[in-house]
C-alpha cells in the first residue's frame, strides 16, 4: 500500500514547525513519520517519547520523527522499510528551499509508486506585509502549493488575513487558502481518504539555476550572557536577520538554559533544560542574506552581551 507524502513549505519563521508539531500531537491513530531539518524545534512532550535511535525519535502514539540528513530519497527509502510502515510521511522543507526542486525529486518513478506526493502545504505568515509576496522564493513556494495556511493570525491585526488572501489571489495561485490558528489545519485537507488512489505526477516547470541566497553564521560563548544586553544586540541585528535560534544561559538566571527564537522581526524566549557539562553556555545560529552580515560584525555585537570579568 502506498504511503502518501505531505510536503510542508514556507519561508523562514512562517510557522511550518508549529504545523508539524500539531500533526504529531493530534495524530488520531495515524502513524505519521515527520522528516525535519531540526529536532530541536519539534515540541515532543517527554511522556510521548518511546525511544530514540539512529536519528529517529519514536513516539508512544505510533508516530516517529527523523532528521533530514543527506539524501532525501535515501531517507524516504529507510522510512518505507520500517515495520510497521508509516501511514503518512510529512516532510518539512528548509525555509530557504525552493520546493519545486524537492517536488521534482519526489517525481522519481520508484518513490512515486511507493510514496506518492499527495499534498503540498505552504505556510504563510499573516503578519507579513503583502509586499513580501514580491520575493521570488516565496512566490515559488506558493505556486507549488495545493493549500496555503495563514499562520500567526492571533498576532496580526484584524484585516491582515483579508489583505494576505487578496495578495495571494492577485498572483492567481490555485491553492485553497485556510486559516491555521496555532498550527491547526483540518486533517481531511492534508491526508487522503483513499490511500490506494495514487495522485498524478506534477508539472513543476523548468529547473532554475541554483542560487545561494542565505548564509548561516553562529556565535558561541562559554560564559552566560546579560539579558538586557542580549536584547540590545538582537535589536541591533534584527534589520539584517532572516532567522535566528539557539540556547543560552543568562547572568540573571544561572543554571538554566533559555531557548531563543527570532523570526519575522519578533524574538521569543522559553525555558530550557539545565546546561550540559562540557558544552558552550551559549549557542545561537543566525541566518541572513549573503553579504548582509559579516562574522566580524556579528561577533562584535554579541561579545558585548557577555559581562566583563
Protein backbone atom coordinates (compact mmCIF):
# COMPACT_ATOMS: atom_id res chain seq x y z
CA UNK A 1 0.00 0.00 0.00
CA UNK A 2 1.49 3.40 -0.93
CA UNK A 3 2.42 5.87 1.81
CA UNK A 4 1.28 9.39 0.82
CA UNK A 5 3.58 12.36 1.38
CA UNK A 6 2.60 15.77 2.73
CA UNK A 7 5.21 18.40 1.84
CA UNK A 8 5.23 21.45 4.15
CA UNK A 9 6.92 24.52 2.73
CA UNK A 10 7.06 28.19 3.65
CA UNK A 11 9.54 30.97 4.30
CA UNK A 12 11.81 31.28 7.33
CA UNK A 13 9.76 31.70 10.50
CA UNK A 14 6.40 31.24 8.77
CA UNK A 15 5.25 28.61 11.26
CA UNK A 16 5.97 25.29 9.48
CA UNK A 17 7.22 23.56 12.62
CA UNK A 18 4.11 24.63 14.54
CA UNK A 19 2.02 22.81 11.91
CA UNK A 20 4.19 19.68 12.15
CA UNK A 21 4.04 19.80 15.96
CA UNK A 22 0.25 19.89 15.80
CA UNK A 23 0.09 16.98 13.37
CA UNK A 24 2.29 14.83 15.61
CA UNK A 25 0.40 15.75 18.77
CA UNK A 26 -3.01 15.10 17.16
CA UNK A 27 -2.26 12.07 15.00
CA UNK A 28 -5.65 10.45 15.86
CA UNK A 29 -4.38 6.92 15.32
CA UNK A 30 -2.32 7.67 12.21
CA UNK A 31 1.32 6.55 12.17
CA UNK A 32 2.96 9.74 10.91
CA UNK A 33 6.65 9.91 10.02
CA UNK A 34 7.88 13.51 10.15
CA UNK A 35 11.10 14.33 8.30
CA UNK A 36 12.53 17.57 9.68
CA UNK A 37 15.71 19.60 9.41
CA UNK A 38 15.99 20.30 13.13
CA UNK A 39 14.91 18.07 16.01
CA UNK A 40 15.36 20.94 18.45
CA UNK A 41 12.29 22.83 17.25
CA UNK A 42 9.98 19.81 17.41
CA UNK A 43 7.96 20.08 20.59
CA UNK A 44 7.70 16.48 21.74
CA UNK A 45 6.41 16.03 25.28
CA UNK A 46 8.70 13.82 27.35
CA UNK A 47 5.89 11.42 28.18
CA UNK A 48 5.29 10.75 24.48
CA UNK A 49 8.84 9.62 23.73
CA UNK A 50 9.11 5.85 23.49
CA UNK A 51 12.74 5.70 22.36
CA UNK A 52 15.41 7.19 20.14
CA UNK A 53 17.98 5.52 17.88
CA UNK A 54 19.69 6.02 14.54
CA UNK A 55 18.48 9.60 14.25
CA UNK A 56 14.84 8.62 14.80
CA UNK A 57 12.67 9.62 17.75
CA UNK A 58 9.80 7.16 18.30
CA UNK A 59 6.64 8.46 19.95
CA UNK A 60 4.28 6.47 22.11
CA UNK A 61 1.38 7.34 19.79
CA UNK A 62 2.95 5.41 16.90
CA UNK A 63 4.47 8.43 15.18
CA UNK A 64 8.17 8.91 14.53
CA UNK A 65 10.33 11.92 13.83
CA UNK A 66 13.59 11.70 11.90
CA UNK A 67 16.24 14.20 10.91
CA UNK A 68 16.70 15.04 7.24
CA UNK A 69 20.42 14.40 6.81
CA UNK A 70 21.86 13.88 3.35
CA UNK A 71 19.81 12.49 0.51
CA UNK A 72 16.04 12.83 0.80
CA UNK A 73 15.32 9.77 -1.33
CA UNK A 74 17.57 7.65 0.88
CA UNK A 75 15.74 8.91 3.98
CA UNK A 76 12.38 8.02 2.42
CA UNK A 77 13.63 4.58 1.45
CA UNK A 78 14.65 3.95 5.07
CA UNK A 79 11.23 5.01 6.33
CA UNK A 80 9.43 2.76 3.86
CA UNK A 81 11.41 -0.25 5.12
CA UNK A 82 10.27 0.25 8.71
CA UNK A 83 7.96 -2.32 10.29
CA UNK A 84 5.25 -1.25 10.63
CA UNK A 85 5.40 1.25 7.79
CA UNK A 86 4.08 4.75 8.49
CA UNK A 87 0.60 5.64 7.26
CA UNK A 88 1.76 9.08 6.14
CA UNK A 89 5.06 10.91 5.67
CA UNK A 90 5.35 14.63 6.41
CA UNK A 91 8.41 16.44 5.02
CA UNK A 92 9.19 19.89 6.41
CA UNK A 93 11.42 21.79 4.00
CA UNK A 94 14.01 24.36 4.90
CA UNK A 95 12.67 27.90 4.87
CA UNK A 96 15.22 28.84 2.22
CA UNK A 97 14.50 25.85 -0.04
CA UNK A 98 12.70 26.09 -3.36
CA UNK A 99 10.08 23.33 -3.02
CA UNK A 100 9.95 22.89 -6.81
CA UNK A 101 13.31 21.12 -6.60
CA UNK A 102 12.01 18.79 -3.89
CA UNK A 103 8.82 18.09 -5.85
CA UNK A 104 10.97 17.24 -8.86
CA UNK A 105 12.93 14.70 -6.77
CA UNK A 106 9.69 13.18 -5.47
CA UNK A 107 8.60 12.54 -9.05
CA UNK A 108 11.18 9.74 -9.20
CA UNK A 109 9.16 6.76 -10.54
CA UNK A 110 10.16 4.44 -7.68
CA UNK A 111 9.26 6.96 -4.98
CA UNK A 112 6.07 7.97 -6.78
CA UNK A 113 4.91 4.36 -6.74
CA UNK A 114 5.71 3.70 -3.07
CA UNK A 115 5.34 7.17 -1.54
CA UNK A 116 3.35 9.48 -3.83
CA UNK A 117 3.31 13.20 -3.18
CA UNK A 118 -0.30 13.81 -2.15
CA UNK A 119 -0.39 17.40 -0.87
CA UNK A 120 1.89 20.45 -0.82
CA UNK A 121 1.11 22.83 2.03
CA UNK A 122 2.59 26.33 2.07
CA UNK A 123 2.53 28.11 5.43
CA UNK A 124 2.34 31.91 5.15
CA UNK A 125 2.88 34.38 7.99
CA UNK A 126 -0.28 36.51 8.10
CA UNK A 127 1.59 39.28 9.92
CA UNK A 128 3.88 39.79 6.92
CA UNK A 129 3.01 42.67 4.57
CA UNK A 130 1.52 41.67 1.19
CA UNK A 131 4.67 43.11 -0.40
CA UNK A 132 6.51 40.06 0.99
CA UNK A 133 4.99 38.12 -1.91
CA UNK A 134 7.22 40.09 -4.27
CA UNK A 135 10.01 37.79 -3.12
CA UNK A 136 10.82 35.21 -5.81
CA UNK A 137 11.33 32.37 -3.33
CA UNK A 138 8.01 32.98 -1.57
CA UNK A 139 6.26 33.04 -4.95
CA UNK A 140 7.84 29.72 -5.85
CA UNK A 141 6.66 28.26 -2.54
CA UNK A 142 3.13 29.48 -3.26
CA UNK A 143 3.00 28.27 -6.85
CA UNK A 144 3.56 24.60 -6.00
CA UNK A 145 1.05 24.62 -3.11
CA UNK A 146 -2.29 22.84 -3.04
CA UNK A 147 -3.15 24.51 0.27
CA UNK A 148 -1.94 27.80 1.73
CA UNK A 149 -2.25 28.07 5.52
CA UNK A 150 -2.24 31.53 7.10
CA UNK A 151 -0.38 31.37 10.40
CA UNK A 152 0.04 33.79 13.33
CA UNK A 153 -3.41 35.31 12.88
CA UNK A 154 -3.54 35.73 16.66
CA UNK A 155 -0.58 38.12 16.35
CA UNK A 156 -1.93 40.04 13.35
CA UNK A 157 -4.35 42.93 13.18
CA UNK A 158 -7.95 42.27 12.19
CA UNK A 159 -7.51 42.90 8.48
CA UNK A 160 -4.19 41.10 7.99
CA UNK A 161 -5.75 37.83 6.86
CA UNK A 162 -8.00 39.59 4.36
CA UNK A 163 -5.06 41.53 2.89
CA UNK A 164 -2.88 38.44 2.58
CA UNK A 165 -5.69 36.45 0.93
CA UNK A 166 -6.19 39.26 -1.59
CA UNK A 167 -2.45 39.36 -2.35
CA UNK A 168 -2.41 35.58 -2.90
CA UNK A 169 -5.46 35.78 -5.19
CA UNK A 170 -3.76 38.53 -7.18
CA UNK A 171 -0.97 36.05 -8.01
CA UNK A 172 -3.61 33.65 -9.41
CA UNK A 173 -2.42 30.90 -7.08
CA UNK A 174 -4.88 27.99 -7.50
CA UNK A 175 -4.40 26.74 -3.93
CA UNK A 176 -7.09 26.63 -1.25
CA UNK A 177 -6.37 29.25 1.44
CA UNK A 178 -7.23 28.36 5.06
CA UNK A 179 -6.59 29.84 8.49
CA UNK A 180 -4.20 27.88 10.72
CA UNK A 181 -4.71 29.01 14.28
CA UNK A 182 -1.81 27.63 16.37
CA UNK A 183 -0.86 25.28 13.53
CA UNK A 184 -4.23 23.54 13.33
CA UNK A 185 -5.41 22.54 9.85
CA UNK A 186 -8.29 20.10 9.15
CA UNK A 187 -6.77 16.66 8.64
CA UNK A 188 -9.22 15.96 5.80
CA UNK A 189 -7.42 18.64 3.76
CA UNK A 190 -3.99 17.13 4.33
CA UNK A 191 -4.45 13.37 4.30
CA UNK A 192 -6.29 11.43 1.58
CA UNK A 193 -9.34 9.37 2.46
CA UNK A 194 -8.35 6.72 -0.11
CA UNK A 195 -4.65 5.86 0.18
CA UNK A 196 -4.91 3.38 -2.70
CA UNK A 197 -5.54 6.23 -5.09
CA UNK A 198 -2.19 7.39 -6.43
CA UNK A 199 -2.07 11.10 -7.32
CA UNK A 200 -0.94 12.06 -10.81
CA UNK A 201 2.63 13.25 -11.38
CA UNK A 202 3.05 17.02 -11.07
CA UNK A 203 4.34 19.57 -13.51
CA UNK A 204 6.96 21.63 -11.69
CA UNK A 205 8.30 23.73 -14.55
CA UNK A 206 11.86 24.11 -15.79
CA UNK A 207 14.76 23.77 -13.37
CA UNK A 208 16.20 27.15 -12.41
CA UNK A 209 19.92 27.62 -11.75
CA UNK A 210 20.66 27.13 -8.06
CA UNK A 211 21.46 30.39 -6.29
CA UNK A 212 22.91 30.69 -2.82
CA UNK A 213 20.87 33.40 -1.20
CA UNK A 214 21.32 32.93 2.54
CA UNK A 215 24.24 32.15 4.80
CA UNK A 216 24.38 30.78 8.33
CA UNK A 217 26.57 32.34 11.00
CA UNK A 218 26.94 31.05 14.53
CA UNK A 219 28.11 32.52 17.82
CA UNK A 220 29.09 30.55 20.90
CA UNK A 221 30.33 31.52 24.34
CA UNK A 222 31.36 29.60 27.43
CA UNK A 223 30.02 32.42 29.58
CA UNK A 224 26.43 33.36 30.45
CA UNK A 225 25.03 36.49 28.80
CA UNK A 226 23.20 39.51 30.11
CA UNK A 227 19.51 39.50 29.14
CA UNK A 228 19.28 43.32 28.70
CA UNK A 229 22.47 43.32 26.61
CA UNK A 230 21.23 40.42 24.52
CA UNK A 231 18.01 42.33 23.84
CA UNK A 232 20.06 45.32 22.67
CA UNK A 233 22.16 43.07 20.45
CA UNK A 234 19.15 41.44 18.80
CA UNK A 235 17.53 44.85 18.26
CA UNK A 236 20.71 45.94 16.52
CA UNK A 237 20.92 42.81 14.37
CA UNK A 238 17.20 42.49 13.59
CA UNK A 239 17.16 44.54 10.34
CA UNK A 240 19.72 42.13 8.84
CA UNK A 241 18.32 38.84 10.14
CA UNK A 242 16.03 36.42 8.34
CA UNK A 243 16.03 33.98 11.26
CA UNK A 244 17.90 33.13 14.47
CA UNK A 245 17.61 30.42 17.09
CA UNK A 246 19.64 28.90 19.86
CA UNK A 247 20.20 28.29 23.54
CA UNK A 248 21.87 30.44 26.17
CA UNK A 249 22.37 30.75 29.92
CA UNK A 250 21.77 34.18 31.37
CA UNK A 251 23.52 36.00 34.19
CA UNK A 252 20.09 36.76 35.68
CA UNK A 253 19.01 33.09 35.74
CA UNK A 254 22.12 30.97 36.23
CA UNK A 255 21.89 27.18 35.99
CA UNK A 256 19.04 27.14 33.42
CA UNK A 257 19.20 27.30 29.66
CA UNK A 258 16.84 29.60 27.75
CA UNK A 259 15.54 28.75 24.27
CA UNK A 260 15.79 31.73 21.90
CA UNK A 261 13.86 32.10 18.62
CA UNK A 262 13.77 35.05 16.23
CA UNK A 263 11.53 35.16 13.15
CA UNK A 264 9.58 37.80 11.25
CA UNK A 265 11.06 40.56 13.40
CA UNK A 266 9.94 39.01 16.69
CA UNK A 267 12.07 37.37 19.38
CA UNK A 268 10.71 34.84 21.87
CA UNK A 269 12.25 33.19 24.92
CA UNK A 270 11.22 29.92 26.56
CA UNK A 271 12.64 27.93 29.48
CA UNK A 272 15.08 25.15 28.61
CA UNK A 273 16.97 22.40 30.41
CA UNK A 274 19.95 22.62 32.73
CA UNK A 275 23.28 23.27 30.98
CA UNK A 276 25.04 20.15 29.74
CA UNK A 277 28.61 19.71 31.01
CA UNK A 278 31.34 20.42 28.51
CA UNK A 279 29.05 22.29 26.12
CA UNK A 280 29.17 26.03 25.37
CA UNK A 281 26.77 28.01 27.56
CA UNK A 282 25.54 30.00 24.58
CA UNK A 283 24.96 28.58 21.09
CA UNK A 284 23.00 30.77 18.66
CA UNK A 285 22.66 30.36 14.88
CA UNK A 286 21.88 33.41 12.74
CA UNK A 287 20.59 33.31 9.13
CA UNK A 288 21.00 36.38 6.93
CA UNK A 289 21.09 37.17 3.24
CA UNK A 290 24.53 36.76 1.68
CA UNK A 291 26.84 39.69 2.36
CA UNK A 292 24.43 41.47 4.68
CA UNK A 293 26.07 40.46 7.96
CA UNK A 294 29.78 39.71 8.45
CA UNK A 295 31.13 37.33 11.08
CA UNK A 296 33.26 40.15 12.50
CA UNK A 297 30.21 42.41 12.92
CA UNK A 298 28.20 39.60 14.50
CA UNK A 299 30.98 38.70 16.93
CA UNK A 300 31.49 42.34 17.89
CA UNK A 301 27.81 42.86 18.68
CA UNK A 302 27.34 39.54 20.51
CA UNK A 303 30.54 39.77 22.58
CA UNK A 304 29.05 42.87 24.22
CA UNK A 305 26.38 40.56 25.74
CA UNK A 306 28.97 38.89 27.96
CA UNK A 307 29.66 40.74 31.19
CA UNK A 308 33.27 41.85 31.66
CA UNK A 309 35.08 39.99 34.40
